[in-house]
N, C-alpha and C. Protein backbone atom coordinates (compact mmCIF):
# COMPACT_ATOMS: atom_id res chain seq x y z
N MET A 1 -18.55 7.20 10.74
CA MET A 1 -19.60 7.29 9.74
C MET A 1 -19.27 6.39 8.56
N ASP A 2 -20.25 5.60 8.14
CA ASP A 2 -20.04 4.72 7.00
C ASP A 2 -20.02 5.52 5.71
N GLY A 3 -19.20 5.06 4.78
CA GLY A 3 -19.18 5.65 3.46
C GLY A 3 -20.29 5.07 2.60
N PRO A 4 -20.37 5.50 1.34
CA PRO A 4 -21.44 5.03 0.46
C PRO A 4 -21.26 3.57 0.07
N GLY A 5 -22.38 2.94 -0.30
CA GLY A 5 -22.34 1.58 -0.80
C GLY A 5 -21.90 1.56 -2.25
N ILE A 6 -20.95 0.70 -2.56
CA ILE A 6 -20.35 0.67 -3.89
C ILE A 6 -20.79 -0.57 -4.66
N GLY A 7 -21.15 -0.37 -5.91
CA GLY A 7 -21.41 -1.46 -6.84
C GLY A 7 -20.47 -1.33 -8.02
N VAL A 8 -19.72 -2.36 -8.31
CA VAL A 8 -18.77 -2.36 -9.43
C VAL A 8 -19.28 -3.32 -10.49
N ILE A 9 -19.34 -2.83 -11.73
CA ILE A 9 -19.74 -3.68 -12.86
C ILE A 9 -18.49 -4.00 -13.66
N GLY A 10 -18.13 -5.29 -13.70
CA GLY A 10 -16.95 -5.72 -14.45
C GLY A 10 -15.88 -6.28 -13.53
N THR A 11 -15.28 -7.39 -13.94
CA THR A 11 -14.26 -8.05 -13.12
C THR A 11 -12.90 -8.14 -13.81
N GLY A 12 -12.72 -7.37 -14.86
CA GLY A 12 -11.42 -7.37 -15.54
C GLY A 12 -10.40 -6.53 -14.79
N PHE A 13 -9.36 -6.15 -15.50
CA PHE A 13 -8.28 -5.36 -14.90
C PHE A 13 -8.81 -4.11 -14.22
N MET A 14 -9.68 -3.36 -14.93
CA MET A 14 -10.18 -2.11 -14.37
C MET A 14 -11.13 -2.37 -13.20
N GLY A 15 -11.92 -3.42 -13.28
CA GLY A 15 -12.80 -3.75 -12.16
C GLY A 15 -12.00 -3.99 -10.90
N LYS A 16 -10.91 -4.73 -11.03
CA LYS A 16 -10.05 -4.98 -9.88
C LYS A 16 -9.43 -3.69 -9.36
N CYS A 17 -8.98 -2.82 -10.27
CA CYS A 17 -8.39 -1.54 -9.86
C CYS A 17 -9.39 -0.71 -9.06
N HIS A 18 -10.63 -0.66 -9.54
CA HIS A 18 -11.66 0.11 -8.84
C HIS A 18 -11.94 -0.49 -7.46
N ALA A 19 -12.10 -1.80 -7.41
CA ALA A 19 -12.40 -2.46 -6.15
C ALA A 19 -11.29 -2.21 -5.13
N LEU A 20 -10.05 -2.37 -5.55
CA LEU A 20 -8.93 -2.17 -4.63
C LEU A 20 -8.84 -0.71 -4.18
N ALA A 21 -9.15 0.22 -5.09
CA ALA A 21 -9.11 1.64 -4.73
C ALA A 21 -10.19 1.98 -3.71
N PHE A 22 -11.40 1.46 -3.91
CA PHE A 22 -12.46 1.71 -2.93
C PHE A 22 -12.12 1.09 -1.58
N ARG A 23 -11.46 -0.06 -1.58
CA ARG A 23 -11.05 -0.70 -0.32
C ARG A 23 -9.97 0.11 0.39
N ALA A 24 -9.08 0.74 -0.36
CA ALA A 24 -7.90 1.38 0.22
C ALA A 24 -8.11 2.83 0.62
N VAL A 25 -9.10 3.51 0.03
CA VAL A 25 -9.17 4.97 0.18
C VAL A 25 -9.30 5.42 1.62
N GLY A 26 -10.03 4.70 2.45
CA GLY A 26 -10.20 5.11 3.84
C GLY A 26 -8.92 5.02 4.64
N ALA A 27 -8.05 4.07 4.30
CA ALA A 27 -6.77 3.93 5.00
C ALA A 27 -5.74 4.91 4.48
N VAL A 28 -5.76 5.14 3.17
CA VAL A 28 -4.77 6.04 2.57
C VAL A 28 -5.05 7.49 2.94
N PHE A 29 -6.30 7.89 2.84
CA PHE A 29 -6.71 9.25 3.18
C PHE A 29 -7.50 9.20 4.49
N GLU A 30 -6.80 9.32 5.60
CA GLU A 30 -7.44 9.22 6.91
C GLU A 30 -8.52 10.28 7.05
N GLY A 31 -9.62 9.87 7.64
CA GLY A 31 -10.75 10.78 7.79
C GLY A 31 -11.79 10.60 6.70
N THR A 32 -11.43 9.90 5.64
CA THR A 32 -12.40 9.60 4.58
C THR A 32 -13.20 8.38 5.01
N PRO A 33 -14.53 8.50 5.10
CA PRO A 33 -15.34 7.33 5.47
C PRO A 33 -15.13 6.19 4.47
N ALA A 34 -14.80 5.02 4.96
CA ALA A 34 -14.52 3.88 4.08
C ALA A 34 -15.81 3.44 3.38
N PRO A 35 -15.79 3.36 2.05
CA PRO A 35 -16.97 2.88 1.33
C PRO A 35 -17.23 1.41 1.66
N ARG A 36 -18.48 1.00 1.47
CA ARG A 36 -18.87 -0.39 1.66
C ARG A 36 -18.92 -1.07 0.29
N LEU A 37 -18.19 -2.15 0.13
CA LEU A 37 -18.22 -2.89 -1.13
C LEU A 37 -19.45 -3.79 -1.13
N GLU A 38 -20.55 -3.26 -1.64
CA GLU A 38 -21.85 -3.93 -1.53
C GLU A 38 -22.06 -5.02 -2.58
N MET A 39 -21.72 -4.73 -3.85
CA MET A 39 -22.10 -5.68 -4.88
C MET A 39 -21.15 -5.59 -6.08
N LEU A 40 -20.85 -6.75 -6.65
CA LEU A 40 -20.03 -6.88 -7.85
C LEU A 40 -20.85 -7.62 -8.90
N ALA A 41 -20.80 -7.15 -10.14
CA ALA A 41 -21.56 -7.80 -11.21
C ALA A 41 -20.64 -8.15 -12.37
N ASP A 42 -20.86 -9.34 -12.91
CA ASP A 42 -20.18 -9.79 -14.13
C ASP A 42 -21.03 -10.92 -14.72
N VAL A 43 -20.90 -11.15 -16.02
CA VAL A 43 -21.77 -12.14 -16.67
C VAL A 43 -21.41 -13.58 -16.32
N ASP A 44 -20.17 -13.84 -15.95
CA ASP A 44 -19.74 -15.21 -15.68
C ASP A 44 -19.89 -15.52 -14.19
N PRO A 45 -20.75 -16.50 -13.82
CA PRO A 45 -21.00 -16.77 -12.41
C PRO A 45 -19.75 -17.17 -11.62
N ALA A 46 -18.91 -18.01 -12.19
CA ALA A 46 -17.72 -18.46 -11.46
C ALA A 46 -16.74 -17.32 -11.24
N THR A 47 -16.56 -16.49 -12.28
CA THR A 47 -15.63 -15.36 -12.17
C THR A 47 -16.10 -14.35 -11.16
N VAL A 48 -17.39 -14.00 -11.21
CA VAL A 48 -17.89 -12.96 -10.30
C VAL A 48 -17.85 -13.45 -8.86
N GLU A 49 -18.08 -14.73 -8.63
CA GLU A 49 -17.99 -15.24 -7.26
C GLU A 49 -16.55 -15.23 -6.77
N ARG A 50 -15.63 -15.70 -7.62
CA ARG A 50 -14.22 -15.72 -7.22
C ARG A 50 -13.72 -14.31 -6.92
N CYS A 51 -14.01 -13.37 -7.80
CA CYS A 51 -13.55 -11.99 -7.60
C CYS A 51 -14.26 -11.32 -6.44
N GLY A 52 -15.56 -11.57 -6.32
CA GLY A 52 -16.31 -10.96 -5.22
C GLY A 52 -15.75 -11.36 -3.87
N ARG A 53 -15.44 -12.66 -3.72
CA ARG A 53 -14.86 -13.13 -2.46
C ARG A 53 -13.46 -12.54 -2.24
N ALA A 54 -12.63 -12.57 -3.28
CA ALA A 54 -11.25 -12.12 -3.16
C ALA A 54 -11.15 -10.62 -2.89
N TRP A 55 -12.06 -9.85 -3.48
CA TRP A 55 -11.97 -8.39 -3.37
C TRP A 55 -12.77 -7.82 -2.20
N GLY A 56 -13.51 -8.67 -1.49
CA GLY A 56 -14.19 -8.22 -0.29
C GLY A 56 -15.60 -7.69 -0.45
N PHE A 57 -16.29 -8.08 -1.51
CA PHE A 57 -17.67 -7.64 -1.70
C PHE A 57 -18.63 -8.45 -0.84
N THR A 58 -19.72 -7.81 -0.44
CA THR A 58 -20.76 -8.48 0.35
C THR A 58 -21.52 -9.48 -0.51
N ARG A 59 -21.84 -9.08 -1.75
CA ARG A 59 -22.62 -9.92 -2.66
C ARG A 59 -22.10 -9.78 -4.08
N TRP A 60 -22.44 -10.75 -4.91
CA TRP A 60 -22.07 -10.72 -6.33
C TRP A 60 -23.20 -11.33 -7.14
N ILE A 61 -23.38 -10.81 -8.35
CA ILE A 61 -24.48 -11.24 -9.21
C ILE A 61 -24.04 -11.22 -10.66
N THR A 62 -24.85 -11.80 -11.53
CA THR A 62 -24.55 -11.81 -12.97
C THR A 62 -25.39 -10.80 -13.75
N ASP A 63 -26.29 -10.09 -13.10
CA ASP A 63 -27.17 -9.13 -13.77
C ASP A 63 -26.83 -7.72 -13.32
N TRP A 64 -26.19 -6.96 -14.19
CA TRP A 64 -25.78 -5.61 -13.80
C TRP A 64 -26.99 -4.70 -13.53
N ARG A 65 -28.11 -4.98 -14.16
CA ARG A 65 -29.30 -4.16 -13.93
C ARG A 65 -29.80 -4.30 -12.48
N ALA A 66 -29.67 -5.50 -11.93
CA ALA A 66 -30.05 -5.70 -10.53
C ALA A 66 -29.12 -4.92 -9.61
N LEU A 67 -27.86 -4.81 -9.95
CA LEU A 67 -26.91 -4.01 -9.16
C LEU A 67 -27.34 -2.56 -9.16
N VAL A 68 -27.65 -2.04 -10.35
CA VAL A 68 -28.05 -0.64 -10.48
C VAL A 68 -29.31 -0.35 -9.68
N ALA A 69 -30.24 -1.30 -9.63
CA ALA A 69 -31.52 -1.10 -8.94
C ALA A 69 -31.43 -1.33 -7.44
N ASP A 70 -30.35 -1.92 -6.95
CA ASP A 70 -30.27 -2.30 -5.55
C ASP A 70 -30.19 -1.07 -4.64
N PRO A 71 -31.04 -0.97 -3.62
CA PRO A 71 -31.04 0.21 -2.76
C PRO A 71 -29.80 0.37 -1.89
N SER A 72 -29.02 -0.69 -1.69
CA SER A 72 -27.81 -0.57 -0.88
C SER A 72 -26.64 0.00 -1.67
N VAL A 73 -26.79 0.10 -2.99
CA VAL A 73 -25.74 0.64 -3.85
C VAL A 73 -25.99 2.13 -4.07
N ASP A 74 -25.05 2.95 -3.64
CA ASP A 74 -25.13 4.40 -3.82
C ASP A 74 -24.31 4.88 -5.00
N VAL A 75 -23.22 4.17 -5.28
CA VAL A 75 -22.29 4.55 -6.35
C VAL A 75 -22.11 3.35 -7.27
N VAL A 76 -22.25 3.58 -8.57
CA VAL A 76 -22.01 2.53 -9.56
C VAL A 76 -20.72 2.85 -10.30
N ALA A 77 -19.78 1.91 -10.26
CA ALA A 77 -18.52 2.03 -10.99
C ALA A 77 -18.60 1.13 -12.22
N ILE A 78 -18.40 1.72 -13.39
CA ILE A 78 -18.54 1.00 -14.66
C ILE A 78 -17.17 0.73 -15.24
N THR A 79 -16.79 -0.56 -15.34
CA THR A 79 -15.46 -0.94 -15.81
C THR A 79 -15.56 -2.01 -16.90
N THR A 80 -16.62 -1.93 -17.67
CA THR A 80 -16.93 -2.94 -18.68
C THR A 80 -16.35 -2.54 -20.04
N PRO A 81 -16.51 -3.40 -21.08
CA PRO A 81 -16.11 -2.98 -22.42
C PRO A 81 -16.79 -1.68 -22.84
N ASN A 82 -16.10 -0.90 -23.65
CA ASN A 82 -16.52 0.46 -23.99
C ASN A 82 -17.94 0.57 -24.51
N PHE A 83 -18.38 -0.40 -25.32
CA PHE A 83 -19.69 -0.27 -25.96
C PHE A 83 -20.84 -0.37 -24.96
N LEU A 84 -20.56 -0.79 -23.73
CA LEU A 84 -21.59 -0.90 -22.71
C LEU A 84 -21.69 0.34 -21.81
N HIS A 85 -20.72 1.22 -21.86
CA HIS A 85 -20.65 2.33 -20.91
C HIS A 85 -21.89 3.21 -20.94
N GLN A 86 -22.31 3.62 -22.13
CA GLN A 86 -23.43 4.56 -22.22
C GLN A 86 -24.71 3.97 -21.63
N GLU A 87 -25.06 2.76 -22.03
CA GLU A 87 -26.29 2.14 -21.53
C GLU A 87 -26.25 1.99 -20.01
N MET A 88 -25.14 1.53 -19.48
CA MET A 88 -25.03 1.32 -18.04
C MET A 88 -25.07 2.63 -17.28
N ALA A 89 -24.37 3.65 -17.80
CA ALA A 89 -24.36 4.95 -17.12
C ALA A 89 -25.76 5.57 -17.10
N LEU A 90 -26.46 5.50 -18.22
CA LEU A 90 -27.81 6.05 -18.26
C LEU A 90 -28.74 5.33 -17.29
N ALA A 91 -28.61 4.01 -17.19
CA ALA A 91 -29.45 3.25 -16.26
C ALA A 91 -29.14 3.63 -14.82
N ALA A 92 -27.86 3.77 -14.50
CA ALA A 92 -27.48 4.13 -13.14
C ALA A 92 -27.97 5.54 -12.79
N ILE A 93 -27.84 6.45 -13.72
CA ILE A 93 -28.31 7.83 -13.49
C ILE A 93 -29.82 7.84 -13.28
N ALA A 94 -30.54 7.10 -14.12
CA ALA A 94 -32.00 7.04 -13.98
C ALA A 94 -32.42 6.48 -12.63
N ALA A 95 -31.57 5.62 -12.06
CA ALA A 95 -31.85 5.05 -10.73
C ALA A 95 -31.38 5.96 -9.59
N GLY A 96 -30.83 7.13 -9.94
CA GLY A 96 -30.40 8.09 -8.94
C GLY A 96 -29.06 7.79 -8.30
N LYS A 97 -28.24 6.99 -8.98
CA LYS A 97 -26.94 6.62 -8.42
C LYS A 97 -25.86 7.61 -8.87
N HIS A 98 -24.85 7.79 -8.02
CA HIS A 98 -23.64 8.47 -8.45
C HIS A 98 -22.88 7.48 -9.33
N VAL A 99 -22.14 8.01 -10.33
CA VAL A 99 -21.53 7.11 -11.31
C VAL A 99 -20.06 7.48 -11.54
N TYR A 100 -19.22 6.45 -11.50
CA TYR A 100 -17.78 6.54 -11.80
C TYR A 100 -17.57 5.63 -12.99
N CYS A 101 -17.26 6.20 -14.14
CA CYS A 101 -17.17 5.43 -15.38
C CYS A 101 -15.79 5.56 -15.99
N GLU A 102 -15.25 4.45 -16.42
CA GLU A 102 -13.99 4.50 -17.15
C GLU A 102 -14.23 5.08 -18.54
N LYS A 103 -13.17 5.59 -19.13
CA LYS A 103 -13.29 6.14 -20.47
C LYS A 103 -13.47 5.02 -21.50
N PRO A 104 -14.13 5.31 -22.62
CA PRO A 104 -14.87 6.52 -22.93
C PRO A 104 -16.26 6.47 -22.32
N LEU A 105 -16.87 7.62 -22.17
CA LEU A 105 -18.21 7.69 -21.62
C LEU A 105 -19.23 7.06 -22.56
N ALA A 106 -18.98 7.19 -23.86
CA ALA A 106 -19.83 6.61 -24.89
C ALA A 106 -18.97 6.42 -26.14
N LEU A 107 -19.53 5.83 -27.16
CA LEU A 107 -18.76 5.56 -28.38
C LEU A 107 -18.67 6.76 -29.31
N ASP A 108 -19.46 7.80 -29.05
CA ASP A 108 -19.36 9.02 -29.85
C ASP A 108 -19.76 10.22 -29.00
N ALA A 109 -19.55 11.41 -29.56
CA ALA A 109 -19.81 12.63 -28.80
C ALA A 109 -21.29 12.79 -28.47
N ALA A 110 -22.16 12.39 -29.38
CA ALA A 110 -23.60 12.52 -29.12
C ALA A 110 -24.02 11.65 -27.93
N GLY A 111 -23.48 10.44 -27.87
CA GLY A 111 -23.79 9.57 -26.74
C GLY A 111 -23.26 10.13 -25.44
N ALA A 112 -22.04 10.67 -25.47
CA ALA A 112 -21.46 11.26 -24.27
C ALA A 112 -22.26 12.47 -23.81
N GLN A 113 -22.75 13.25 -24.76
CA GLN A 113 -23.58 14.41 -24.41
C GLN A 113 -24.87 13.96 -23.73
N ALA A 114 -25.49 12.90 -24.26
CA ALA A 114 -26.73 12.39 -23.67
C ALA A 114 -26.51 11.96 -22.23
N VAL A 115 -25.40 11.31 -21.96
CA VAL A 115 -25.11 10.84 -20.60
C VAL A 115 -24.84 12.03 -19.68
N ALA A 116 -24.04 12.99 -20.15
CA ALA A 116 -23.73 14.16 -19.33
C ALA A 116 -24.99 14.96 -19.00
N GLU A 117 -25.86 15.13 -20.00
CA GLU A 117 -27.09 15.90 -19.76
C GLU A 117 -28.03 15.16 -18.82
N ALA A 118 -28.09 13.84 -18.93
CA ALA A 118 -28.94 13.06 -18.02
C ALA A 118 -28.45 13.21 -16.58
N ALA A 119 -27.15 13.14 -16.38
CA ALA A 119 -26.58 13.28 -15.03
C ALA A 119 -26.87 14.66 -14.46
N GLU A 120 -26.72 15.69 -15.28
CA GLU A 120 -26.98 17.05 -14.81
C GLU A 120 -28.45 17.24 -14.47
N ALA A 121 -29.33 16.64 -15.26
CA ALA A 121 -30.77 16.78 -15.01
C ALA A 121 -31.18 16.13 -13.70
N VAL A 122 -30.58 14.98 -13.38
CA VAL A 122 -30.91 14.26 -12.15
C VAL A 122 -30.18 14.84 -10.94
N GLY A 123 -28.97 15.37 -11.18
CA GLY A 123 -28.20 15.96 -10.10
C GLY A 123 -27.29 15.01 -9.36
N VAL A 124 -26.91 13.90 -10.00
CA VAL A 124 -25.99 12.96 -9.37
C VAL A 124 -24.54 13.39 -9.61
N THR A 125 -23.65 12.90 -8.76
CA THR A 125 -22.22 13.17 -8.92
C THR A 125 -21.63 12.16 -9.89
N THR A 126 -20.78 12.64 -10.79
CA THR A 126 -20.16 11.76 -11.78
C THR A 126 -18.66 12.01 -11.85
N LEU A 127 -17.95 10.97 -12.24
CA LEU A 127 -16.51 11.07 -12.45
C LEU A 127 -16.15 10.14 -13.59
N ILE A 128 -15.30 10.64 -14.49
CA ILE A 128 -14.82 9.81 -15.59
C ILE A 128 -13.32 9.60 -15.40
N GLY A 129 -12.80 8.47 -15.87
CA GLY A 129 -11.44 8.10 -15.55
C GLY A 129 -10.34 8.32 -16.57
N PRO A 130 -10.43 9.26 -17.52
CA PRO A 130 -9.30 9.40 -18.43
C PRO A 130 -8.18 10.28 -17.91
N ASP A 131 -8.47 11.18 -16.99
CA ASP A 131 -7.48 12.07 -16.42
C ASP A 131 -7.44 11.83 -14.92
N HIS A 132 -6.44 12.37 -14.28
CA HIS A 132 -6.28 12.11 -12.86
C HIS A 132 -6.17 13.40 -12.08
N PRO A 133 -6.73 13.45 -10.88
CA PRO A 133 -6.59 14.63 -10.03
C PRO A 133 -5.13 14.86 -9.67
N PRO A 134 -4.82 16.00 -9.10
CA PRO A 134 -3.41 16.33 -8.79
C PRO A 134 -2.75 15.27 -7.93
N TYR A 135 -1.52 14.96 -8.27
CA TYR A 135 -0.78 13.94 -7.56
C TYR A 135 -0.35 14.41 -6.16
N ALA A 136 -0.30 15.72 -5.94
CA ALA A 136 0.28 16.25 -4.70
C ALA A 136 -0.47 15.74 -3.47
N SER A 137 -1.75 15.44 -3.63
CA SER A 137 -2.50 14.96 -2.48
C SER A 137 -2.10 13.56 -2.07
N PHE A 138 -1.38 12.87 -2.94
CA PHE A 138 -1.00 11.49 -2.64
C PHE A 138 0.48 11.34 -2.32
N CYS A 139 1.33 12.02 -3.08
CA CYS A 139 2.77 11.85 -2.85
C CYS A 139 3.46 13.21 -2.83
N PRO A 140 4.07 13.58 -1.71
CA PRO A 140 4.72 14.88 -1.59
C PRO A 140 6.08 14.96 -2.26
N ALA A 141 6.72 13.82 -2.55
CA ALA A 141 8.08 13.85 -3.08
C ALA A 141 8.08 14.17 -4.57
N PRO A 142 8.78 15.23 -4.98
CA PRO A 142 8.85 15.55 -6.42
C PRO A 142 9.44 14.38 -7.20
N GLY A 143 8.86 14.10 -8.34
CA GLY A 143 9.38 13.04 -9.19
C GLY A 143 8.95 11.65 -8.78
N HIS A 144 8.19 11.53 -7.69
CA HIS A 144 7.75 10.22 -7.25
C HIS A 144 6.81 9.62 -8.28
N GLN A 145 7.05 8.39 -8.70
CA GLN A 145 6.23 7.74 -9.71
C GLN A 145 5.14 6.92 -9.05
N LEU A 146 3.91 7.15 -9.48
CA LEU A 146 2.79 6.43 -8.91
C LEU A 146 2.44 5.21 -9.75
N GLY A 147 2.03 4.16 -9.09
CA GLY A 147 1.48 3.02 -9.79
C GLY A 147 0.04 3.29 -10.16
N PHE A 148 -0.48 2.48 -11.08
CA PHE A 148 -1.83 2.71 -11.59
C PHE A 148 -2.87 2.62 -10.49
N ASN A 149 -2.75 1.66 -9.58
CA ASN A 149 -3.74 1.54 -8.51
C ASN A 149 -3.77 2.77 -7.62
N GLU A 150 -2.63 3.38 -7.39
CA GLU A 150 -2.60 4.58 -6.58
C GLU A 150 -3.36 5.72 -7.26
N LEU A 151 -3.28 5.79 -8.58
CA LEU A 151 -4.05 6.81 -9.30
C LEU A 151 -5.55 6.59 -9.10
N LYS A 152 -5.96 5.36 -9.09
CA LYS A 152 -7.38 5.06 -8.88
C LYS A 152 -7.81 5.44 -7.46
N VAL A 153 -6.94 5.28 -6.48
CA VAL A 153 -7.26 5.69 -5.12
C VAL A 153 -7.50 7.20 -5.09
N ILE A 154 -6.68 7.96 -5.80
CA ILE A 154 -6.84 9.41 -5.86
C ILE A 154 -8.18 9.75 -6.52
N GLU A 155 -8.52 9.07 -7.59
CA GLU A 155 -9.80 9.31 -8.26
C GLU A 155 -10.97 9.00 -7.33
N VAL A 156 -10.89 7.89 -6.63
CA VAL A 156 -11.96 7.52 -5.70
C VAL A 156 -12.11 8.58 -4.61
N LYS A 157 -11.00 9.09 -4.09
CA LYS A 157 -11.05 10.15 -3.08
C LYS A 157 -11.74 11.38 -3.65
N ALA A 158 -11.43 11.76 -4.88
CA ALA A 158 -12.07 12.91 -5.50
C ALA A 158 -13.58 12.68 -5.65
N LEU A 159 -13.96 11.47 -6.02
CA LEU A 159 -15.38 11.14 -6.16
C LEU A 159 -16.10 11.24 -4.82
N LEU A 160 -15.52 10.65 -3.78
CA LEU A 160 -16.15 10.67 -2.46
C LEU A 160 -16.25 12.10 -1.91
N ASP A 161 -15.22 12.91 -2.14
CA ASP A 161 -15.28 14.32 -1.72
C ASP A 161 -16.40 15.05 -2.44
N ALA A 162 -16.57 14.76 -3.72
CA ALA A 162 -17.63 15.42 -4.49
C ALA A 162 -19.01 14.99 -4.01
N ILE A 163 -19.17 13.70 -3.72
CA ILE A 163 -20.46 13.21 -3.21
C ILE A 163 -20.79 13.88 -1.87
N ALA A 164 -19.76 14.09 -1.05
CA ALA A 164 -19.96 14.73 0.26
C ALA A 164 -20.11 16.24 0.16
N GLY A 165 -19.98 16.79 -1.05
CA GLY A 165 -20.13 18.23 -1.25
C GLY A 165 -18.91 19.03 -0.88
N GLU A 166 -17.76 18.37 -0.75
CA GLU A 166 -16.54 19.06 -0.32
C GLU A 166 -15.76 19.66 -1.47
N ALA A 167 -15.99 19.18 -2.68
CA ALA A 167 -15.27 19.67 -3.85
C ALA A 167 -16.01 19.21 -5.09
N PRO A 168 -15.86 19.92 -6.20
CA PRO A 168 -16.50 19.44 -7.43
C PRO A 168 -15.78 18.21 -7.98
N ALA A 169 -16.53 17.34 -8.62
CA ALA A 169 -15.91 16.18 -9.26
C ALA A 169 -15.17 16.65 -10.50
N ASP A 170 -13.96 16.17 -10.67
CA ASP A 170 -13.17 16.60 -11.82
C ASP A 170 -12.21 15.49 -12.21
N PRO A 171 -12.34 14.97 -13.42
CA PRO A 171 -13.26 15.35 -14.49
C PRO A 171 -14.61 14.63 -14.38
N ASP A 172 -15.69 15.40 -14.54
CA ASP A 172 -17.03 14.83 -14.46
C ASP A 172 -17.50 14.43 -15.87
N PHE A 173 -18.77 14.03 -15.99
CA PHE A 173 -19.25 13.56 -17.28
C PHE A 173 -19.32 14.68 -18.32
N ARG A 174 -19.47 15.93 -17.89
CA ARG A 174 -19.42 17.04 -18.86
C ARG A 174 -18.02 17.11 -19.47
N ALA A 175 -17.00 16.93 -18.66
CA ALA A 175 -15.63 16.88 -19.20
C ALA A 175 -15.46 15.67 -20.10
N GLY A 176 -16.09 14.54 -19.74
CA GLY A 176 -16.04 13.35 -20.59
C GLY A 176 -16.65 13.62 -21.95
N HIS A 177 -17.74 14.41 -21.98
CA HIS A 177 -18.35 14.79 -23.26
C HIS A 177 -17.39 15.65 -24.07
N GLU A 178 -16.72 16.59 -23.43
CA GLU A 178 -15.78 17.45 -24.16
C GLU A 178 -14.62 16.64 -24.72
N ILE A 179 -14.14 15.67 -23.97
CA ILE A 179 -13.07 14.79 -24.46
C ILE A 179 -13.56 14.01 -25.69
N ALA A 180 -14.79 13.51 -25.63
CA ALA A 180 -15.36 12.77 -26.76
C ALA A 180 -15.47 13.66 -27.99
N ARG A 181 -15.83 14.93 -27.79
CA ARG A 181 -15.92 15.86 -28.93
C ARG A 181 -14.56 16.07 -29.59
N VAL A 182 -13.53 16.22 -28.78
CA VAL A 182 -12.18 16.40 -29.34
C VAL A 182 -11.75 15.18 -30.13
N ILE A 183 -11.98 13.99 -29.57
CA ILE A 183 -11.60 12.75 -30.26
C ILE A 183 -12.35 12.61 -31.57
N GLU A 184 -13.66 12.88 -31.53
CA GLU A 184 -14.46 12.74 -32.75
C GLU A 184 -14.04 13.77 -33.80
N ALA A 185 -13.71 14.98 -33.39
CA ALA A 185 -13.25 16.01 -34.32
C ALA A 185 -11.94 15.58 -34.99
N ILE A 186 -11.05 14.99 -34.22
CA ILE A 186 -9.79 14.49 -34.78
C ILE A 186 -10.05 13.39 -35.79
N GLN A 187 -10.94 12.47 -35.46
CA GLN A 187 -11.25 11.36 -36.36
C GLN A 187 -11.87 11.86 -37.67
N ILE A 188 -12.80 12.79 -37.57
CA ILE A 188 -13.44 13.34 -38.77
C ILE A 188 -12.43 14.12 -39.60
N SER A 189 -11.58 14.90 -38.94
CA SER A 189 -10.55 15.68 -39.64
C SER A 189 -9.60 14.76 -40.40
N ALA A 190 -9.17 13.69 -39.74
CA ALA A 190 -8.23 12.76 -40.38
C ALA A 190 -8.88 12.03 -41.55
N ALA A 191 -10.12 11.59 -41.37
CA ALA A 191 -10.79 10.85 -42.44
C ALA A 191 -11.12 11.73 -43.63
N GLY A 192 -11.50 12.98 -43.37
CA GLY A 192 -11.90 13.86 -44.47
C GLY A 192 -10.81 14.78 -44.96
N ARG A 193 -9.64 14.71 -44.33
CA ARG A 193 -8.51 15.58 -44.70
C ARG A 193 -8.92 17.05 -44.71
N ARG A 194 -9.66 17.40 -43.67
CA ARG A 194 -10.10 18.78 -43.47
C ARG A 194 -10.18 19.05 -41.98
N TRP A 195 -10.10 20.31 -41.63
CA TRP A 195 -10.09 20.68 -40.22
C TRP A 195 -11.52 20.76 -39.69
N VAL A 196 -11.80 20.03 -38.62
CA VAL A 196 -13.08 20.09 -37.94
C VAL A 196 -12.83 20.46 -36.48
N ARG A 197 -13.50 21.51 -36.03
CA ARG A 197 -13.32 21.95 -34.64
C ARG A 197 -14.21 21.13 -33.71
N PRO A 198 -13.75 20.89 -32.49
CA PRO A 198 -14.61 20.17 -31.54
C PRO A 198 -15.95 20.85 -31.35
N ALA A 199 -15.98 22.17 -31.43
CA ALA A 199 -17.25 22.89 -31.27
C ALA A 199 -18.25 22.56 -32.36
N ASP A 200 -17.77 22.03 -33.49
CA ASP A 200 -18.65 21.70 -34.60
C ASP A 200 -19.16 20.26 -34.53
N VAL A 201 -18.69 19.51 -33.56
CA VAL A 201 -19.11 18.10 -33.44
C VAL A 201 -20.35 18.01 -32.55
C-alpha cells in the first residue's frame, strides 16, 4: 500500500531533514507504507530544482500555494522561516491537507490558537516539531544518543500513524498553541516585571 503524498515547503536545513525523514521512515519502521515525495517548493528556481532532484521528489516548484492546492499532496510539511508558518498552515488546512509544521506554529499565541482551531474544525491531522515522541521506539539501548535526522524519522512515523488512525498525533497544533502561550507569558512577565500565567495569554 502506498503512503501519503508529501509536499515540503522550504529547502533549508529543516527542509532537508524532513525530506530525508519521509524517505527513510518506511525502511526504518518496517510495515509503515513509504510516503511518496510528490512536490518540493522554494522561491529560488535553481535551489529547488537541485534539492528536488537530490532528495528524490517527483516535482519541484517556486509557488508554495500551488503545492498546497495540488491534489497529489496529502501532507504539507512547513520548514520555512517562522513568520511564514501561520499563513502556510492555514492555507494547507483550508485545502484539507494534513500538516507537519516546525516550531513555532505562529509568531504569537493568538496566531497559534487560530491555526489550532482551524485544524480542529476541518479535522486534519497535525504535528508540530518542538518536542519529540518517545525514543524507545527507535533505539532500545539505554543512553543511546540520536542524531537530529533520526528524531525527525520518529516524528514522521508518529504523523503517519496518526493519519492512519493508529495513534493520536503528539504534539499536535493544540499543543503548539499551549507552547506559544507559555512562551508569550514568559516574555510578558519578563518585560513587565510581573507574573503572567499562560492561562491569561
